[in-house]
N, C-alpha and C. Protein backbone atom coordinates (compact mmCIF):
# COMPACT_ATOMS: atom_id res chain seq x y z
N MET A 1 17.24 18.64 11.76
CA MET A 1 15.76 18.35 11.75
C MET A 1 15.37 17.58 10.44
N ARG A 2 15.14 16.69 11.04
CA ARG A 2 14.72 15.13 9.54
C ARG A 2 13.02 15.09 9.45
N LEU A 3 12.80 15.39 8.50
CA LEU A 3 11.34 15.43 8.48
C LEU A 3 11.41 14.32 7.25
N TRP A 4 10.95 12.70 7.51
CA TRP A 4 11.22 11.89 6.74
C TRP A 4 10.13 11.84 5.56
N SER A 5 10.56 11.74 4.28
CA SER A 5 9.57 11.12 3.04
C SER A 5 9.06 10.02 3.80
N LEU A 6 9.60 9.11 3.98
CA LEU A 6 9.61 7.66 4.00
C LEU A 6 8.05 7.47 4.98
N HIS A 7 7.69 6.25 4.60
CA HIS A 7 6.73 6.17 5.55
C HIS A 7 7.08 5.63 7.13
N PRO A 8 6.03 6.18 7.93
CA PRO A 8 6.63 6.00 9.42
C PRO A 8 7.08 4.76 9.57
N ARG A 9 6.36 3.87 9.07
CA ARG A 9 6.52 2.46 9.96
C ARG A 9 7.57 1.98 9.73
N TYR A 10 8.73 2.28 8.75
CA TYR A 10 10.10 2.22 8.42
C TYR A 10 10.31 2.62 9.92
N LEU A 11 10.59 3.49 10.87
CA LEU A 11 11.03 4.12 11.90
C LEU A 11 10.73 3.36 12.98
N ASP A 12 11.90 3.15 13.94
CA ASP A 12 12.21 2.46 14.97
C ASP A 12 11.37 3.62 16.38
N ARG A 13 11.62 3.13 17.64
CA ARG A 13 10.63 4.03 18.25
C ARG A 13 11.27 5.32 18.40
N GLN A 14 12.57 5.18 18.53
CA GLN A 14 13.20 6.47 18.96
C GLN A 14 13.45 7.55 17.41
N GLY A 15 13.27 6.70 16.30
CA GLY A 15 13.39 7.67 15.17
C GLY A 15 11.73 7.79 14.93
N LEU A 16 10.87 7.10 15.79
CA LEU A 16 9.35 7.81 15.04
C LEU A 16 9.24 8.91 16.67
N THR A 17 9.52 9.17 17.64
CA THR A 17 9.27 9.66 18.00
C THR A 17 10.14 11.02 18.19
N ALA A 18 11.46 10.99 17.58
CA ALA A 18 12.42 12.17 17.31
C ALA A 18 11.50 13.12 15.69
N ALA A 19 10.99 12.10 15.02
CA ALA A 19 10.01 12.30 13.71
C ALA A 19 9.21 13.59 14.38
N TRP A 20 8.31 13.08 15.34
CA TRP A 20 7.46 13.77 15.95
C TRP A 20 7.51 15.20 16.57
N ARG A 21 8.85 15.06 17.62
CA ARG A 21 9.16 16.32 18.08
C ARG A 21 9.82 17.24 17.20
N GLU A 22 10.61 16.62 15.79
CA GLU A 22 10.64 17.52 15.33
C GLU A 22 9.68 18.12 14.00
N ALA A 23 8.93 17.54 13.74
CA ALA A 23 8.03 17.85 13.05
C ALA A 23 6.79 18.93 13.88
N LEU A 24 6.74 18.39 14.91
CA LEU A 24 6.79 19.78 16.32
C LEU A 24 7.00 21.06 16.41
N LEU A 25 8.52 20.95 15.98
CA LEU A 25 9.31 22.17 15.84
C LEU A 25 9.06 22.70 14.37
N ALA A 26 8.87 22.13 13.65
CA ALA A 26 8.95 22.48 12.45
C ALA A 26 7.11 23.44 12.00
N GLN A 27 6.32 23.19 12.84
CA GLN A 27 5.06 23.14 12.91
C GLN A 27 5.03 25.02 13.18
N ALA A 28 5.87 24.63 14.60
CA ALA A 28 5.68 26.05 15.60
C ALA A 28 6.55 26.95 14.41
N VAL A 29 7.89 26.70 13.77
CA VAL A 29 8.56 27.45 12.69
C VAL A 29 7.38 28.15 11.90
N LEU A 30 6.63 27.12 11.08
CA LEU A 30 5.82 27.40 9.99
C LEU A 30 4.52 28.35 10.43
N ALA A 31 4.19 28.30 11.53
CA ALA A 31 2.95 28.87 12.28
C ALA A 31 3.71 30.22 12.93
N GLY A 32 4.66 30.50 12.69
CA GLY A 32 5.39 31.76 13.53
C GLY A 32 5.68 31.92 14.33
N ARG A 33 5.42 31.09 15.82
CA ARG A 33 5.61 31.07 16.46
C ARG A 33 7.07 30.68 17.74
N THR A 34 7.92 30.43 16.60
CA THR A 34 9.69 30.52 16.93
C THR A 34 10.45 31.07 15.07
N ARG A 35 11.75 31.66 15.69
CA ARG A 35 12.01 32.22 14.78
C ARG A 35 13.40 31.37 14.75
N GLY A 36 13.85 30.55 15.41
CA GLY A 36 15.03 29.47 14.92
C GLY A 36 14.28 28.79 13.69
N TYR A 37 15.27 27.60 13.22
CA TYR A 37 14.94 27.45 12.07
C TYR A 37 14.14 27.41 10.54
N ARG A 38 13.91 29.04 10.80
CA ARG A 38 12.99 29.20 9.97
C ARG A 38 13.47 28.78 7.98
N HIS A 39 15.19 29.18 8.02
CA HIS A 39 15.75 28.83 6.61
C HIS A 39 15.94 27.25 6.51
N HIS A 40 15.48 26.28 7.34
CA HIS A 40 15.77 24.80 7.70
C HIS A 40 15.66 24.27 5.61
N PRO A 41 16.32 23.51 5.51
CA PRO A 41 16.16 23.26 3.91
C PRO A 41 15.12 22.58 3.82
N GLN A 42 14.86 21.28 5.24
CA GLN A 42 13.66 20.76 5.02
C GLN A 42 12.36 21.28 5.05
N LEU A 43 12.36 22.44 5.63
CA LEU A 43 11.19 23.15 5.47
C LEU A 43 10.50 23.61 3.92
N ARG A 44 11.25 23.70 3.40
CA ARG A 44 10.86 24.27 1.68
C ARG A 44 9.79 23.69 0.99
N ARG A 45 9.50 22.49 1.26
CA ARG A 45 8.50 21.78 0.53
C ARG A 45 6.86 22.17 1.32
N PHE A 46 7.23 22.67 2.60
CA PHE A 46 5.91 22.71 3.56
C PHE A 46 5.74 24.47 3.18
N GLN A 47 6.53 24.88 3.22
CA GLN A 47 6.70 26.29 2.72
C GLN A 47 6.43 26.99 1.36
N ALA A 48 6.60 25.95 0.43
CA ALA A 48 5.89 25.97 -0.92
C ALA A 48 4.09 25.50 -1.10
N GLN A 49 3.98 25.15 0.14
CA GLN A 49 2.78 24.77 0.14
C GLN A 49 1.60 25.92 0.23
N LEU A 50 0.23 25.59 -0.39
CA LEU A 50 -0.74 27.02 0.09
C LEU A 50 -1.30 27.32 1.61
N GLU A 51 -1.22 26.28 2.13
CA GLU A 51 -1.55 26.14 3.87
C GLU A 51 -0.43 25.35 4.54
N PRO A 52 1.08 25.89 4.81
CA PRO A 52 2.20 25.00 5.12
C PRO A 52 1.60 24.57 6.51
N VAL A 53 1.00 25.07 7.10
CA VAL A 53 0.50 24.44 8.48
C VAL A 53 -0.44 23.12 8.29
N ASP A 54 -1.03 23.28 7.36
CA ASP A 54 -2.63 22.62 7.14
C ASP A 54 -1.09 20.81 6.72
N SER A 55 -0.43 21.36 5.85
CA SER A 55 0.38 20.46 5.32
C SER A 55 1.24 19.82 6.55
N VAL A 56 2.02 20.58 7.28
CA VAL A 56 2.36 20.10 8.27
C VAL A 56 1.97 19.12 9.29
N GLY A 57 0.51 19.93 9.30
CA GLY A 57 -0.29 19.08 10.46
C GLY A 57 -0.89 17.84 9.44
N ALA A 58 -1.02 17.45 8.40
CA ALA A 58 -1.03 16.02 8.39
C ALA A 58 -0.07 15.51 7.91
N PHE A 59 1.00 15.94 7.94
CA PHE A 59 2.43 15.52 8.33
C PHE A 59 2.71 14.44 9.83
N LEU A 60 1.99 15.28 10.57
CA LEU A 60 1.53 14.94 12.45
C LEU A 60 0.99 14.23 12.37
N VAL A 61 0.04 13.79 11.42
CA VAL A 61 -1.03 13.09 11.70
C VAL A 61 -0.60 11.58 11.35
N GLY A 62 0.41 11.92 9.93
CA GLY A 62 0.44 10.46 9.54
C GLY A 62 1.41 9.86 11.05
N LEU A 63 2.07 10.85 11.37
CA LEU A 63 3.51 10.17 12.58
C LEU A 63 2.11 9.69 13.77
N ALA A 64 1.07 10.24 14.23
CA ALA A 64 0.45 9.71 15.02
C ALA A 64 -0.37 8.54 15.05
N GLU A 65 -0.41 8.61 13.74
CA GLU A 65 -1.38 7.36 13.35
C GLU A 65 -0.99 6.28 13.63
N GLU A 66 0.55 6.24 13.26
CA GLU A 66 1.70 5.35 13.38
C GLU A 66 1.82 4.82 14.52
N ALA A 67 2.21 6.18 15.40
CA ALA A 67 2.31 5.82 17.07
C ALA A 67 1.39 4.95 17.55
N GLU A 68 -0.11 5.48 17.10
CA GLU A 68 -1.53 4.87 17.56
C GLU A 68 -1.06 3.25 17.28
N ARG A 69 -0.70 2.78 16.26
CA ARG A 69 -0.81 1.15 15.62
C ARG A 69 0.30 0.75 16.27
N ARG A 70 1.11 1.28 17.16
CA ARG A 70 1.92 0.70 17.76
C ARG A 70 1.96 0.68 19.51
N GLY A 71 0.59 1.18 19.57
CA GLY A 71 0.33 1.46 20.78
C GLY A 71 0.92 2.99 21.46
N TYR A 72 1.33 3.67 20.91
CA TYR A 72 1.96 4.82 21.65
C TYR A 72 0.96 5.57 21.44
N ARG A 73 1.08 6.67 22.44
CA ARG A 73 0.14 8.10 22.34
C ARG A 73 1.11 9.16 22.31
N PHE A 74 0.88 9.69 21.21
CA PHE A 74 1.23 11.09 20.88
C PHE A 74 0.03 12.03 20.94
N ASP A 75 0.44 13.05 21.30
CA ASP A 75 -0.76 14.09 22.22
C ASP A 75 -1.08 14.96 20.78
N ARG A 76 -2.35 14.63 20.21
CA ARG A 76 -2.77 15.02 18.87
C ARG A 76 -3.14 16.33 19.44
N THR A 77 -3.68 16.62 20.11
CA THR A 77 -3.74 18.33 20.88
C THR A 77 -2.77 19.47 20.43
N ARG A 78 -1.61 19.05 20.24
CA ARG A 78 -0.57 19.70 19.83
C ARG A 78 -0.26 20.09 18.52
N ILE A 79 -1.30 19.56 17.79
CA ILE A 79 -1.31 19.59 15.89
C ILE A 79 -2.00 20.88 15.90
N LEU A 80 -1.28 21.93 15.21
CA LEU A 80 -2.49 23.28 15.30
C LEU A 80 -3.78 22.74 14.18
N GLN A 81 -3.40 21.85 12.96
CA GLN A 81 -4.45 21.55 11.77
C GLN A 81 -4.05 20.28 12.01
N PRO A 82 -5.22 19.68 12.64
CA PRO A 82 -5.06 18.43 12.48
C PRO A 82 -5.75 17.73 11.32
N CYS A 83 -6.89 18.93 10.40
CA CYS A 83 -8.15 18.17 9.45
C CYS A 83 -7.97 19.17 8.11
N GLY A 84 -6.94 20.14 8.39
CA GLY A 84 -7.01 21.17 7.78
C GLY A 84 -6.80 20.65 5.90
N GLN A 85 -7.58 21.42 4.91
CA GLN A 85 -7.50 20.59 3.75
C GLN A 85 -5.82 20.60 3.12
N HIS A 86 -5.37 19.61 2.72
CA HIS A 86 -4.03 19.95 1.88
C HIS A 86 -4.31 19.12 1.08
N ARG A 87 -3.13 19.23 -0.22
CA ARG A 87 -3.01 18.95 -1.45
C ARG A 87 -1.35 17.58 -1.00
N PRO A 88 -1.30 16.60 -1.92
CA PRO A 88 0.11 15.57 -1.39
C PRO A 88 0.85 16.47 -1.81
N ILE A 89 2.02 16.32 -1.22
CA ILE A 89 3.32 16.80 -1.94
C ILE A 89 4.37 16.09 -2.33
N THR A 90 4.73 16.38 -3.74
CA THR A 90 5.78 15.43 -4.40
C THR A 90 6.89 15.39 -3.76
N VAL A 91 7.39 14.17 -3.94
CA VAL A 91 8.78 13.44 -3.21
C VAL A 91 9.11 12.95 -4.33
N THR A 92 10.60 12.85 -4.83
CA THR A 92 11.18 12.10 -6.21
C THR A 92 11.73 10.75 -5.24
N GLU A 93 11.69 9.48 -6.53
CA GLU A 93 12.52 8.40 -5.91
C GLU A 93 14.02 8.55 -5.68
N GLY A 94 14.24 9.28 -5.96
CA GLY A 94 15.56 9.79 -5.19
C GLY A 94 16.00 9.89 -4.39
N GLN A 95 15.38 11.17 -3.77
CA GLN A 95 15.22 11.44 -2.18
C GLN A 95 14.35 10.42 -1.29
N LEU A 96 13.44 9.19 -1.63
CA LEU A 96 13.03 8.57 -1.56
C LEU A 96 14.14 7.29 -0.61
N GLU A 97 15.01 7.25 -1.84
CA GLU A 97 15.81 6.12 -1.81
C GLU A 97 17.20 6.73 -0.95
N HIS A 98 17.24 7.98 -1.14
CA HIS A 98 18.51 8.75 -0.63
C HIS A 98 18.30 8.27 0.95
N GLU A 99 16.93 8.80 1.29
CA GLU A 99 16.46 8.69 3.23
C GLU A 99 16.40 7.55 3.32
N TYR A 100 16.12 6.85 2.55
CA TYR A 100 15.86 5.32 3.18
C TYR A 100 17.34 4.65 3.37
N ALA A 101 18.51 5.05 2.51
CA ALA A 101 19.98 4.94 2.72
C ALA A 101 20.23 5.26 4.22
N HIS A 102 19.85 6.71 4.14
CA HIS A 102 20.45 7.30 5.81
C HIS A 102 19.61 6.36 6.50
N LEU A 103 18.59 6.06 6.70
CA LEU A 103 17.52 5.59 7.70
C LEU A 103 18.23 4.20 7.59
N LEU A 104 18.63 3.38 6.84
CA LEU A 104 19.20 1.92 7.03
C LEU A 104 20.55 2.17 7.90
N ALA A 105 21.16 3.08 7.93
CA ALA A 105 22.58 3.17 8.19
C ALA A 105 22.40 3.46 9.79
N LYS A 106 21.43 4.59 10.05
CA LYS A 106 20.91 4.72 11.91
C LYS A 106 20.49 3.51 11.93
N LEU A 107 19.70 2.51 11.67
CA LEU A 107 18.74 1.78 12.09
C LEU A 107 20.03 0.27 12.21
N ARG A 108 20.70 0.16 11.41
CA ARG A 108 21.98 -0.91 11.37
C ARG A 108 22.87 -0.81 12.90
N ALA A 109 22.64 0.53 13.07
CA ALA A 109 24.12 1.04 14.33
C ALA A 109 23.38 0.97 16.12
N ARG A 110 21.74 1.51 15.59
CA ARG A 110 21.26 1.67 16.54
C ARG A 110 20.18 0.44 16.95
N SER A 111 19.66 0.27 15.76
CA SER A 111 18.37 -1.18 16.26
C SER A 111 18.26 -2.15 15.00
N PRO A 112 19.35 -2.96 15.34
CA PRO A 112 19.43 -3.86 14.07
C PRO A 112 18.18 -4.94 14.51
N GLN A 113 17.71 -5.21 15.38
CA GLN A 113 16.35 -6.23 15.56
C GLN A 113 15.15 -5.64 14.78
N TRP A 114 15.15 -4.00 14.79
CA TRP A 114 14.04 -3.88 14.38
C TRP A 114 14.17 -3.60 12.81
N LEU A 115 15.44 -3.40 12.17
CA LEU A 115 15.58 -3.56 10.87
C LEU A 115 15.33 -4.75 9.91
N ALA A 116 15.85 -5.86 10.73
CA ALA A 116 15.72 -7.04 10.48
C ALA A 116 14.22 -7.41 9.65
N GLY A 117 13.48 -6.70 10.59
CA GLY A 117 11.80 -6.90 10.27
C GLY A 117 11.08 -5.96 9.66
N HIS A 118 11.83 -4.98 9.01
CA HIS A 118 11.31 -3.68 8.00
C HIS A 118 11.78 -3.51 7.31
N GLU A 119 12.98 -4.17 6.53
CA GLU A 119 13.51 -3.99 5.29
C GLU A 119 13.29 -3.94 4.15
N VAL A 120 13.40 -3.64 3.48
CA VAL A 120 12.63 -3.77 2.04
C VAL A 120 13.79 -3.62 0.90
N ALA A 121 13.67 -4.93 0.23
CA ALA A 121 15.43 -5.10 -0.80
C ALA A 121 14.61 -4.91 -2.14
N GLY A 122 15.52 -4.18 -2.89
CA GLY A 122 15.11 -4.15 -4.13
C GLY A 122 13.57 -3.60 -4.67
N GLN A 123 13.23 -2.83 -3.73
CA GLN A 123 11.85 -2.07 -3.96
C GLN A 123 11.91 -0.38 -3.62
N LEU A 124 11.29 0.21 -3.81
CA LEU A 124 11.29 1.62 -3.44
C LEU A 124 10.56 1.57 -2.02
N PRO A 125 10.79 2.74 -0.97
CA PRO A 125 10.04 2.18 -0.04
C PRO A 125 8.99 3.01 0.13
N ASP A 126 8.08 2.87 0.67
CA ASP A 126 6.52 3.51 0.37
C ASP A 126 6.63 5.31 1.46
N PRO A 127 5.90 5.73 0.97
CA PRO A 127 6.33 7.32 1.29
C PRO A 127 5.25 7.34 2.70
N HIS A 128 5.45 8.55 3.34
CA HIS A 128 4.76 8.89 4.39
C HIS A 128 3.28 9.20 3.37
N PRO A 129 1.98 8.95 4.04
CA PRO A 129 0.80 8.95 3.35
C PRO A 129 1.09 10.76 2.67
N LEU A 130 1.72 11.63 3.14
CA LEU A 130 1.13 12.71 2.87
C LEU A 130 1.96 13.04 1.51
N PHE A 131 2.73 12.26 1.06
CA PHE A 131 3.52 12.16 -0.16
C PHE A 131 3.14 11.40 -1.31
N THR A 132 3.00 12.28 -2.20
CA THR A 132 2.54 11.47 -3.97
C THR A 132 4.42 11.13 -4.33
N VAL A 133 4.97 9.93 -5.03
CA VAL A 133 6.57 9.85 -5.46
C VAL A 133 6.10 9.88 -6.51
N VAL A 134 7.12 10.80 -7.20
CA VAL A 134 7.39 11.12 -9.13
C VAL A 134 8.74 10.47 -8.78
N ALA A 135 9.01 10.55 -10.65
CA ALA A 135 10.30 10.50 -11.31
C ALA A 135 11.58 11.42 -10.70
N GLY A 136 12.77 11.33 -10.27
CA GLY A 136 13.37 12.03 -10.37
C GLY A 136 14.71 12.01 -9.14
N GLU A 137 15.79 12.80 -9.02
CA GLU A 137 16.78 12.48 -8.22
C GLU A 137 16.26 13.14 -6.77
N VAL A 138 17.72 12.96 -5.92
CA VAL A 138 17.79 13.47 -4.78
C VAL A 138 16.89 14.82 -4.62
N GLU A 139 16.39 15.58 -4.00
CA GLU A 139 15.62 17.06 -3.93
C GLU A 139 16.69 17.70 -3.75
N ASP A 140 16.59 19.08 -4.32
CA ASP A 140 17.71 20.11 -4.22
C ASP A 140 18.24 20.63 -2.79
N TRP A 141 17.10 20.27 -2.31
CA TRP A 141 17.05 20.84 -0.66
C TRP A 141 17.82 20.33 0.57
N GLU A 142 18.19 18.83 -0.32
CA GLU A 142 18.66 17.77 0.88
C GLU A 142 20.18 18.17 0.77
N VAL A 143 20.57 18.28 2.30
CA VAL A 143 22.24 18.32 2.60
C VAL A 143 22.47 16.84 2.29
N ARG A 144 23.89 16.52 1.88
CA ARG A 144 24.49 15.53 1.58
C ARG A 144 25.91 15.44 2.20
N GLY A 145 26.43 14.42 2.17
CA GLY A 145 28.04 14.47 2.77
C GLY A 145 28.14 15.26 4.00
N ALA A 146 29.16 15.99 4.14
CA ALA A 146 29.55 16.65 5.47
C ALA A 146 28.68 18.08 5.45
N GLY A 147 27.35 17.98 5.31
CA GLY A 147 26.70 18.89 5.68
C GLY A 147 26.58 19.99 4.63
N VAL A 148 27.29 19.78 3.14
CA VAL A 148 27.72 20.86 2.47
C VAL A 148 26.60 20.23 0.89
N ARG A 149 25.63 21.37 1.12
CA ARG A 149 25.00 21.37 0.21
C ARG A 149 25.67 20.90 -1.61
N PRO A 150 24.74 20.68 -2.48
CA PRO A 150 25.36 20.50 -3.68
C PRO A 150 25.13 21.70 -4.41
N ALA A 151 26.14 22.15 -5.44
CA ALA A 151 25.86 22.96 -6.34
C ALA A 151 24.33 23.12 -7.01
N ARG A 152 23.98 24.31 -7.23
CA ARG A 152 22.78 24.13 -8.15
C ARG A 152 23.07 24.27 -9.85
């Protein structure tokens, strides 16, 4: 599961549709509709919110808006809390940089034409509209390397 902190405009078609599916799975987990993935590290920042389902709903809305901007139709009726009150979630600069490097590697292999028009050089990429950027390193929940989490 990859719930990108990056703005969805950086994602190619495959990345955007995968993000939608994975965020719907995250929503199901947070709403208690499935038992799998309950302890997935990327869910921690949503689980820490007062209203986790509202927060993931806001995340889904951001993906749906980008899809619509591109002429795709994501089924917004699948969002359980599309208009709920939510507070912005913080994301560190280090996390954005880490995710962007991860995405660049994927795009170089999968969609080099897409990458040519969406690469940001020498600046921090924009976050998903749900997130507010703060100083800091890669988040402690991020899995790095060969699937091994760093020691705390």
